Amino acid sequence: MFGPIGMPEMLIILAIVILIFGANRLPELGKGIGQGIKNFKSGMKHESTDEK
């Protein structure tokens, strides 16, 4: 149904994010998302070691 996301779609998504959050808050938003991904990966790593 949906194919891979191409460059035009990414630009549209970026424009919408800038409109919603504003250009000044983008670094904070990126930092928060990065920390969330890091915590998720760390949690998954600890979960797999706990099961062993």
PDB file of N, CA and C in Angstrom:
ATOM      1  N   MET A   1       0.826  -1.186   0.000  1.00  0.00           N
ATOM      2  CA  MET A   1       0.000   0.000   0.000  1.00  0.00           C
ATOM      3  C   MET A   1       0.873   1.253   0.000  1.00  0.00           C
ATOM      4  N   PHE A   2       1.804   1.336   0.959  1.00  0.00           N
ATOM      5  CA  PHE A   2       2.713   2.472   1.017  1.00  0.00           C
ATOM      6  C   PHE A   2       4.102   2.006   0.631  1.00  0.00           C
ATOM      7  N   GLY A   3       4.752   2.753  -0.241  1.00  0.00           N
ATOM      8  CA  GLY A   3       6.111   2.422  -0.647  1.00  0.00           C
ATOM      9  C   GLY A   3       7.103   3.079   0.295  1.00  0.00           C
ATOM     10  N   PRO A   4       8.365   2.945  -0.026  1.00  0.00           N
ATOM     11  CA  PRO A   4       9.386   3.593   0.805  1.00  0.00           C
ATOM     12  C   PRO A   4       9.237   5.115   0.737  1.00  0.00           C
ATOM     13  N   ILE A   5       9.605   5.773   1.816  1.00  0.00           N
ATOM     14  CA  ILE A   5       9.487   7.229   1.878  1.00  0.00           C
ATOM     15  C   ILE A   5      10.649   7.841   1.110  1.00  0.00           C
ATOM     16  N   GLY A   6      10.335   8.685   0.144  1.00  0.00           N
ATOM     17  CA  GLY A   6      11.355   9.322  -0.683  1.00  0.00           C
ATOM     18  C   GLY A   6      11.678  10.723  -0.184  1.00  0.00           C
ATOM     19  N   MET A   7      12.530  11.409  -0.917  1.00  0.00           N
ATOM     20  CA  MET A   7      12.965  12.749  -0.535  1.00  0.00           C
ATOM     21  C   MET A   7      11.806  13.758  -0.518  1.00  0.00           C
ATOM     22  N   PRO A   8      10.909  13.768  -1.512  1.00  0.00           N
ATOM     23  CA  PRO A   8       9.803  14.737  -1.448  1.00  0.00           C
ATOM     24  C   PRO A   8       8.923  14.551  -0.210  1.00  0.00           C
ATOM     25  N   GLU A   9       8.666  13.318   0.143  1.00  0.00           N
ATOM     26  CA  GLU A   9       7.851  13.060   1.328  1.00  0.00           C
ATOM     27  C   GLU A   9       8.559  13.518   2.598  1.00  0.00           C
ATOM     28  N   MET A  10       9.884  13.278   2.663  1.00  0.00           N
ATOM     29  CA  MET A  10      10.655  13.708   3.836  1.00  0.00           C
ATOM     30  C   MET A  10      10.640  15.228   3.965  1.00  0.00           C
ATOM     31  N   LEU A  11      10.731  15.943   2.853  1.00  0.00           N
ATOM     32  CA  LEU A  11      10.695  17.405   2.890  1.00  0.00           C
ATOM     33  C   LEU A  11       9.338  17.914   3.359  1.00  0.00           C
ATOM     34  N   ILE A  12       8.271  17.262   2.933  1.00  0.00           N
ATOM     35  CA  ILE A  12       6.931  17.650   3.378  1.00  0.00           C
ATOM     36  C   ILE A  12       6.788  17.412   4.874  1.00  0.00           C
ATOM     37  N   ILE A  13       7.256  16.275   5.363  1.00  0.00           N
ATOM     38  CA  ILE A  13       7.192  15.974   6.794  1.00  0.00           C
ATOM     39  C   ILE A  13       8.012  16.988   7.577  1.00  0.00           C
ATOM     40  N   LEU A  14       9.204  17.333   7.100  1.00  0.00           N
ATOM     41  CA  LEU A  14      10.049  18.324   7.767  1.00  0.00           C
ATOM     42  C   LEU A  14       9.358  19.682   7.817  1.00  0.00           C
ATOM     43  N   ALA A  15       8.724  20.088   6.722  1.00  0.00           N
ATOM     44  CA  ALA A  15       8.015  21.366   6.693  1.00  0.00           C
ATOM     45  C   ALA A  15       6.872  21.378   7.701  1.00  0.00           C
ATOM     46  N   ILE A  16       6.141  20.281   7.819  1.00  0.00           N
ATOM     47  CA  ILE A  16       5.038  20.200   8.781  1.00  0.00           C
ATOM     48  C   ILE A  16       5.569  20.277  10.203  1.00  0.00           C
ATOM     49  N   VAL A  17       6.669  19.581  10.484  1.00  0.00           N
ATOM     50  CA  VAL A  17       7.267  19.612  11.826  1.00  0.00           C
ATOM     51  C   VAL A  17       7.727  21.021  12.165  1.00  0.00           C
ATOM     52  N   ILE A  18       8.334  21.714  11.209  1.00  0.00           N
ATOM     53  CA  ILE A  18       8.775  23.093  11.456  1.00  0.00           C
ATOM     54  C   ILE A  18       7.581  23.994  11.717  1.00  0.00           C
ATOM     55  N   LEU A  19       6.491  23.805  10.990  1.00  0.00           N
ATOM     56  CA  LEU A  19       5.297  24.614  11.215  1.00  0.00           C
ATOM     57  C   LEU A  19       4.690  24.357  12.588  1.00  0.00           C
ATOM     58  N   ILE A  20       4.692  23.113  13.020  1.00  0.00           N
ATOM     59  CA  ILE A  20       4.076  22.766  14.303  1.00  0.00           C
ATOM     60  C   ILE A  20       4.944  23.200  15.472  1.00  0.00           C
ATOM     61  N   PHE A  21       6.225  22.871  15.444  1.00  0.00           N
ATOM     62  CA  PHE A  21       7.089  23.096  16.601  1.00  0.00           C
ATOM     63  C   PHE A  21       7.910  24.378  16.504  1.00  0.00           C
ATOM     64  N   GLY A  22       8.116  24.908  15.340  1.00  0.00           N
ATOM     65  CA  GLY A  22       8.943  26.091  15.169  1.00  0.00           C
ATOM     66  C   GLY A  22      10.404  25.707  15.024  1.00  0.00           C
ATOM     67  N   ALA A  23      11.150  26.550  14.308  1.00  0.00           N
ATOM     68  CA  ALA A  23      12.547  26.238  14.016  1.00  0.00           C
ATOM     69  C   ALA A  23      13.410  26.276  15.270  1.00  0.00           C
ATOM     70  N   ASN A  24      13.039  27.082  16.261  1.00  0.00           N
ATOM     71  CA  ASN A  24      13.855  27.207  17.471  1.00  0.00           C
ATOM     72  C   ASN A  24      13.802  25.959  18.343  1.00  0.00           C
ATOM     73  N   ARG A  25      12.724  25.204  18.277  1.00  0.00           N
ATOM     74  CA  ARG A  25      12.573  24.028  19.138  1.00  0.00           C
ATOM     75  C   ARG A  25      13.049  22.741  18.486  1.00  0.00           C
ATOM     76  N   LEU A  26      13.451  22.778  17.229  1.00  0.00           N
ATOM     77  CA  LEU A  26      13.892  21.562  16.540  1.00  0.00           C
ATOM     78  C   LEU A  26      15.096  20.896  17.201  1.00  0.00           C
ATOM     79  N   PRO A  27      16.132  21.640  17.642  1.00  0.00           N
ATOM     80  CA  PRO A  27      17.243  20.953  18.319  1.00  0.00           C
ATOM     81  C   PRO A  27      16.805  20.235  19.596  1.00  0.00           C
ATOM     82  N   GLU A  28      15.907  20.853  20.371  1.00  0.00           N
ATOM     83  CA  GLU A  28      15.393  20.204  21.586  1.00  0.00           C
ATOM     84  C   GLU A  28      14.624  18.941  21.229  1.00  0.00           C
ATOM     85  N   LEU A  29      13.818  19.032  20.198  1.00  0.00           N
ATOM     86  CA  LEU A  29      13.015  17.891  19.762  1.00  0.00           C
ATOM     87  C   LEU A  29      13.912  16.751  19.293  1.00  0.00           C
ATOM     88  N   GLY A  30      14.929  17.067  18.501  1.00  0.00           N
ATOM     89  CA  GLY A  30      15.869  16.046  18.032  1.00  0.00           C
ATOM     90  C   GLY A  30      16.621  15.399  19.171  1.00  0.00           C
ATOM     91  N   LYS A  31      17.034  16.210  20.150  1.00  0.00           N
ATOM     92  CA  LYS A  31      17.751  15.678  21.308  1.00  0.00           C
ATOM     93  C   LYS A  31      16.850  14.733  22.101  1.00  0.00           C
ATOM     94  N   GLY A  32      15.601  15.118  22.290  1.00  0.00           N
ATOM     95  CA  GLY A  32      14.661  14.272  23.025  1.00  0.00           C
ATOM     96  C   GLY A  32      14.396  12.952  22.319  1.00  0.00           C
ATOM     97  N   ILE A  33      14.246  13.015  21.007  1.00  0.00           N
ATOM     98  CA  ILE A  33      14.017  11.789  20.238  1.00  0.00           C
ATOM     99  C   ILE A  33      15.245  10.891  20.305  1.00  0.00           C
ATOM    100  N   GLY A  34      16.431  11.485  20.190  1.00  0.00           N
ATOM    101  CA  GLY A  34      17.672  10.706  20.272  1.00  0.00           C
ATOM    102  C   GLY A  34      17.834  10.024  21.614  1.00  0.00           C
ATOM    103  N   GLN A  35      17.512  10.740  22.698  1.00  0.00           N
ATOM    104  CA  GLN A  35      17.608  10.145  24.032  1.00  0.00           C
ATOM    105  C   GLN A  35      16.587   9.029  24.202  1.00  0.00           C
ATOM    106  N   GLY A  36      15.397   9.215  23.632  1.00  0.00           N
ATOM    107  CA  GLY A  36      14.386   8.174  23.710  1.00  0.00           C
ATOM    108  C   GLY A  36      14.811   6.910  22.992  1.00  0.00           C
ATOM    109  N   ILE A  37      15.396   7.064  21.817  1.00  0.00           N
ATOM    110  CA  ILE A  37      15.881   5.902  21.064  1.00  0.00           C
ATOM    111  C   ILE A  37      17.006   5.211  21.823  1.00  0.00           C
ATOM    112  N   LYS A  38      17.913   6.009  22.401  1.00  0.00           N
ATOM    113  CA  LYS A  38      19.027   5.447  23.172  1.00  0.00           C
ATOM    114  C   LYS A  38      18.503   4.653  24.367  1.00  0.00           C
ATOM    115  N   ASN A  39      17.525   5.218  25.084  1.00  0.00           N
ATOM    116  CA  ASN A  39      16.951   4.518  26.234  1.00  0.00           C
ATOM    117  C   ASN A  39      16.229   3.245  25.811  1.00  0.00           C
ATOM    118  N   PHE A  40      15.541   3.294  24.680  1.00  0.00           N
ATOM    119  CA  PHE A  40      14.839   2.119  24.180  1.00  0.00           C
ATOM    120  C   PHE A  40      15.820   1.003  23.847  1.00  0.00           C
ATOM    121  N   LYS A  41      16.903   1.352  23.136  1.00  0.00           N
ATOM    122  CA  LYS A  41      17.910   0.343  22.786  1.00  0.00           C
ATOM    123  C   LYS A  41      18.562  -0.229  24.033  1.00  0.00           C
ATOM    124  N   SER A  42      18.841   0.633  25.003  1.00  0.00           N
ATOM    125  CA  SER A  42      19.441   0.174  26.254  1.00  0.00           C
ATOM    126  C   SER A  42      18.490  -0.774  26.983  1.00  0.00           C
ATOM    127  N   GLY A  43      17.219  -0.426  27.003  1.00  0.00           N
ATOM    128  CA  GLY A  43      16.229  -1.284  27.642  1.00  0.00           C
ATOM    129  C   GLY A  43      16.095  -2.624  26.948  1.00  0.00           C
ATOM    130  N   MET A  44      16.146  -2.618  25.625  1.00  0.00           N
ATOM    131  CA  MET A  44      16.060  -3.872  24.883  1.00  0.00           C
ATOM    132  C   MET A  44      17.287  -4.735  25.143  1.00  0.00           C
ATOM    133  N   LYS A  45      18.458  -4.114  25.274  1.00  0.00           N
ATOM    134  CA  LYS A  45      19.682  -4.858  25.540  1.00  0.00           C
ATOM    135  C   LYS A  45      19.609  -5.491  26.927  1.00  0.00           C
ATOM    136  N   HIS A  46      19.146  -4.736  27.911  1.00  0.00           N
ATOM    137  CA  HIS A  46      19.036  -5.266  29.269  1.00  0.00           C
ATOM    138  C   HIS A  46      17.965  -6.353  29.347  1.00  0.00           C
ATOM    139  N   GLU A  47      16.906  -6.199  28.582  1.00  0.00           N
ATOM    140  CA  GLU A  47      15.838  -7.194  28.568  1.00  0.00           C
ATOM    141  C   GLU A  47      16.352  -8.516  28.022  1.00  0.00           C
ATOM    142  N   SER A  48      17.141  -8.465  26.951  1.00  0.00           N
ATOM    143  CA  SER A  48      17.626  -9.712  26.358  1.00  0.00           C
ATOM    144  C   SER A  48      18.664 -10.389  27.257  1.00  0.00           C
ATOM    145  N   THR A  49      19.446  -9.612  28.017  1.00  0.00           N
ATOM    146  CA  THR A  49      20.415 -10.226  28.926  1.00  0.00           C
ATOM    147  C   THR A  49      19.722 -10.784  30.159  1.00  0.00           C
ATOM    148  N   ASP A  50      18.594 -10.186  30.554  1.00  0.00           N
ATOM    149  CA  ASP A  50      17.850 -10.695  31.707  1.00  0.00           C
ATOM    150  C   ASP A  50      17.203 -12.041  31.407  1.00  0.00           C
ATOM    151  N   GLU A  51      16.835 -12.276  30.151  1.00  0.00           N
ATOM    152  CA  GLU A  51      16.170 -13.519  29.787  1.00  0.00           C
ATOM    153  C   GLU A  51      17.130 -14.699  29.748  1.00  0.00           C
ATOM    154  N   LYS A  52      18.423 -14.438  29.617  1.00  0.00           N
ATOM    155  CA  LYS A  52      19.400 -15.532  29.497  1.00  0.00           C
ATOM    156  C   LYS A  52      19.676 -16.197  30.786  1.00  0.00           C
TER     157      LYS A  52
END
